[in-house]
Amino acid sequence: MSELARVHLSKSAPDAYKTLSAFSKTVGGIADEAGIDARLKELVQIHVSQLNGCAYCVRVHLERAEKAGVTADTIAQLPVWRESGVFSDRERAGLELAESFTFVSEEGIADEVYNRVGGILTESEYVGLSWILVSINAFNRIAIAGRYSVPSREDMAGEDRDAASGAAW
């Protein structure tokens, strides 16, 4: 494995990154309007990032989840959410949908998942959550491909500021 630095997509094409960041803000607004609360948004983004192996995005969304009142115990239960009793039906639906979107190339969104999730979420909630999942999967791919370093917890405020200006990572 080479120790050479990887191309840094967000710095190499800041306009593209700013556009993705603006997309993410739009998606967040759609999810807010649909009634997707901060807790659910952060839980699914952490879980997707765990599934994709994106340590950077796990760190970012861990910070945001804590601000939304999610406990360390709940976050620790994400990898075993099916066996855990700490998640509501809506959160379980969101986590199942998160897995389907993350592994969409394997079988798409299976009918049984779509129907089960659709029995819990409204159409607007499904739409809002789906766009959140599209967005986080895109950010994961940028960070993973570039092997972006994971900042210390103390540096996260600077990371969020840099991301907002298009100079992330």
Protein backbone atom coordinates (compact mmCIF):
# COMPACT_ATOMS: atom_id res chain seq x y z
CA MET A 1 0.00 0.00 0.00
CA SER A 2 1.34 3.39 -0.92
CA GLU A 3 1.87 6.15 1.62
CA LEU A 4 1.37 8.80 -1.06
CA ALA A 5 -1.35 11.32 -0.39
CA ARG A 6 -4.61 10.73 -2.21
CA VAL A 7 -6.36 13.30 -4.34
CA HIS A 8 -8.37 15.46 -2.01
CA LEU A 9 -11.68 15.86 -3.85
CA SER A 10 -13.15 18.60 -1.69
CA LYS A 11 -10.00 20.72 -2.00
CA SER A 12 -9.29 19.83 -5.63
CA ALA A 13 -12.80 20.77 -6.80
CA PRO A 14 -14.23 23.06 -4.12
CA ASP A 15 -17.18 24.14 -6.27
CA ALA A 16 -18.35 20.53 -6.56
CA TYR A 17 -18.00 20.09 -2.80
CA LYS A 18 -19.88 23.32 -2.12
CA THR A 19 -22.65 22.08 -4.41
CA LEU A 20 -22.83 18.77 -2.53
CA SER A 21 -22.87 20.67 0.76
CA ALA A 22 -25.73 22.86 -0.52
CA PHE A 23 -27.54 19.69 -1.66
CA SER A 24 -27.12 18.30 1.84
CA LYS A 25 -28.67 21.44 3.35
CA THR A 26 -31.60 21.22 0.92
CA VAL A 27 -32.08 17.56 1.81
CA GLY A 28 -31.99 18.43 5.51
CA GLY A 29 -34.76 20.95 4.93
CA ILE A 30 -36.87 18.37 3.08
CA ALA A 31 -36.40 15.94 5.97
CA ASP A 32 -37.27 18.64 8.52
CA GLU A 33 -40.46 19.55 6.63
CA ALA A 34 -41.40 15.85 6.56
CA GLY A 35 -41.04 15.61 10.33
CA ILE A 36 -37.81 13.63 10.46
CA ASP A 37 -36.30 14.64 13.81
CA ALA A 38 -32.60 15.27 14.42
CA ARG A 39 -32.23 12.03 16.39
CA LEU A 40 -33.44 9.86 13.52
CA LYS A 41 -31.40 11.80 10.94
CA GLU A 42 -28.21 11.33 12.92
CA LEU A 43 -28.86 7.67 13.79
CA VAL A 44 -29.25 6.70 10.14
CA GLN A 45 -26.24 8.75 9.07
CA ILE A 46 -24.03 7.14 11.70
CA HIS A 47 -25.27 3.68 10.74
CA VAL A 48 -24.68 4.25 7.01
CA SER A 49 -21.22 5.58 7.76
CA GLN A 50 -20.47 2.52 9.92
CA LEU A 51 -21.66 0.19 7.16
CA ASN A 52 -19.55 2.00 4.57
CA GLY A 53 -16.52 2.16 6.87
CA CYS A 54 -16.34 5.96 6.86
CA ALA A 55 -14.65 6.89 10.13
CA TYR A 56 -14.70 10.59 9.25
CA CYS A 57 -18.48 10.71 8.83
CA VAL A 58 -19.04 8.56 11.92
CA ARG A 59 -17.12 11.20 13.89
CA VAL A 60 -19.07 14.10 12.34
CA HIS A 61 -22.46 12.54 12.97
CA LEU A 62 -21.55 11.28 16.43
CA GLU A 63 -20.95 14.88 17.45
CA ARG A 64 -24.27 15.96 15.94
CA ALA A 65 -26.13 13.01 17.48
CA GLU A 66 -24.86 13.92 20.93
CA LYS A 67 -26.12 17.48 20.39
CA ALA A 68 -29.51 15.98 19.47
CA GLY A 69 -29.57 14.10 22.78
CA VAL A 70 -28.59 10.64 21.55
CA THR A 71 -26.74 8.74 24.28
CA ALA A 72 -23.54 6.75 23.92
CA ASP A 73 -25.50 3.62 24.82
CA THR A 74 -27.90 4.15 21.91
CA ILE A 75 -25.05 4.77 19.48
CA ALA A 76 -23.31 1.61 20.71
CA GLN A 77 -26.49 -0.34 19.89
CA LEU A 78 -26.57 0.71 16.20
CA PRO A 79 -24.64 -2.30 14.86
CA VAL A 80 -27.11 -4.60 16.65
CA TRP A 81 -30.27 -2.55 16.22
CA ARG A 82 -32.39 -5.56 15.25
CA GLU A 83 -31.66 -7.23 18.59
CA SER A 84 -31.74 -4.04 20.66
CA GLY A 85 -34.74 -2.62 22.46
CA VAL A 86 -33.59 1.01 22.47
CA PHE A 87 -35.01 2.01 19.08
CA SER A 88 -38.56 3.07 18.25
CA ASP A 89 -40.48 1.57 15.34
CA ARG A 90 -39.74 4.70 13.28
CA GLU A 91 -36.03 4.41 14.05
CA ARG A 92 -36.05 0.72 13.15
CA ALA A 93 -37.75 1.56 9.86
CA GLY A 94 -35.13 4.24 9.22
CA LEU A 95 -32.25 1.92 10.03
CA GLU A 96 -33.64 -0.80 7.77
CA LEU A 97 -34.06 1.72 4.96
CA ALA A 98 -30.52 2.97 5.62
CA GLU A 99 -29.15 -0.52 5.04
CA SER A 100 -31.16 -0.93 1.84
CA PHE A 101 -29.91 2.39 0.44
CA THR A 102 -26.33 1.61 1.41
CA PHE A 103 -26.42 -1.77 -0.32
CA VAL A 104 -28.80 -0.70 -3.10
CA SER A 105 -26.63 -2.34 -5.78
CA GLU A 106 -27.33 -5.77 -4.29
CA GLU A 107 -31.10 -5.87 -4.68
CA GLY A 108 -32.44 -2.35 -4.82
CA ILE A 109 -35.01 -1.53 -2.19
CA ALA A 110 -36.69 -4.92 -1.72
CA ASP A 111 -40.49 -4.94 -1.81
CA GLU A 112 -40.72 -6.34 1.71
CA VAL A 113 -38.49 -3.54 3.04
CA TYR A 114 -40.42 -0.90 1.09
CA ASN A 115 -43.74 -2.24 2.36
CA ARG A 116 -42.58 -2.63 5.97
CA VAL A 117 -41.03 0.84 6.08
CA GLY A 118 -44.05 2.27 4.22
CA GLY A 119 -46.30 0.86 6.90
CA ILE A 120 -44.51 2.96 9.50
CA LEU A 121 -43.36 6.12 7.71
CA THR A 122 -45.56 8.49 5.74
CA GLU A 123 -44.69 9.08 2.11
CA SER A 124 -43.13 12.46 2.91
CA GLU A 125 -41.08 10.91 5.74
CA TYR A 126 -39.92 8.16 3.37
CA VAL A 127 -38.90 10.79 0.80
CA GLY A 128 -37.09 12.98 3.32
CA LEU A 129 -35.24 10.07 4.88
CA SER A 130 -34.35 8.65 1.46
CA TRP A 131 -32.71 11.91 0.41
CA ILE A 132 -30.74 11.98 3.69
CA LEU A 133 -29.49 8.47 2.82
CA VAL A 134 -28.51 9.47 -0.71
CA SER A 135 -26.58 12.43 0.68
CA ILE A 136 -24.67 10.59 3.41
CA ASN A 137 -23.71 7.80 1.03
CA ALA A 138 -22.24 10.43 -1.34
CA PHE A 139 -20.24 12.06 1.47
CA ASN A 140 -19.01 8.64 2.64
CA ARG A 141 -17.65 7.87 -0.80
CA ILE A 142 -15.73 11.14 -0.99
CA ALA A 143 -14.15 10.69 2.44
CA ILE A 144 -13.37 6.99 1.99
CA ALA A 145 -11.89 7.34 -1.50
CA GLY A 146 -9.64 10.16 -0.31
CA ARG A 147 -8.78 8.45 2.98
CA TYR A 148 -9.63 11.64 4.80
CA SER A 149 -8.17 11.75 8.27
CA VAL A 150 -10.42 11.70 11.29
CA PRO A 151 -10.03 14.89 13.30
CA SER A 152 -9.85 14.86 17.06
CA ARG A 153 -13.07 15.74 18.83
CA GLU A 154 -11.58 19.12 19.70
CA ASP A 155 -11.12 19.92 16.00
CA MET A 156 -14.70 19.16 14.95
CA ALA A 157 -15.91 22.78 15.21
CA GLY A 158 -13.19 23.76 12.77
CA GLU A 159 -14.14 20.91 10.46
CA ASP A 160 -17.78 22.04 10.35
CA ARG A 161 -16.68 25.62 9.66
CA ASP A 162 -14.35 24.45 6.89
CA ALA A 163 -17.07 22.26 5.38
CA ALA A 164 -19.46 25.20 5.24
CA SER A 165 -16.88 27.23 3.31
CA GLY A 166 -16.07 24.37 0.92
CA ALA A 167 -12.62 23.82 2.37
CA ALA A 168 -13.38 20.63 4.26
CA TRP A 169 -10.78 18.13 5.31
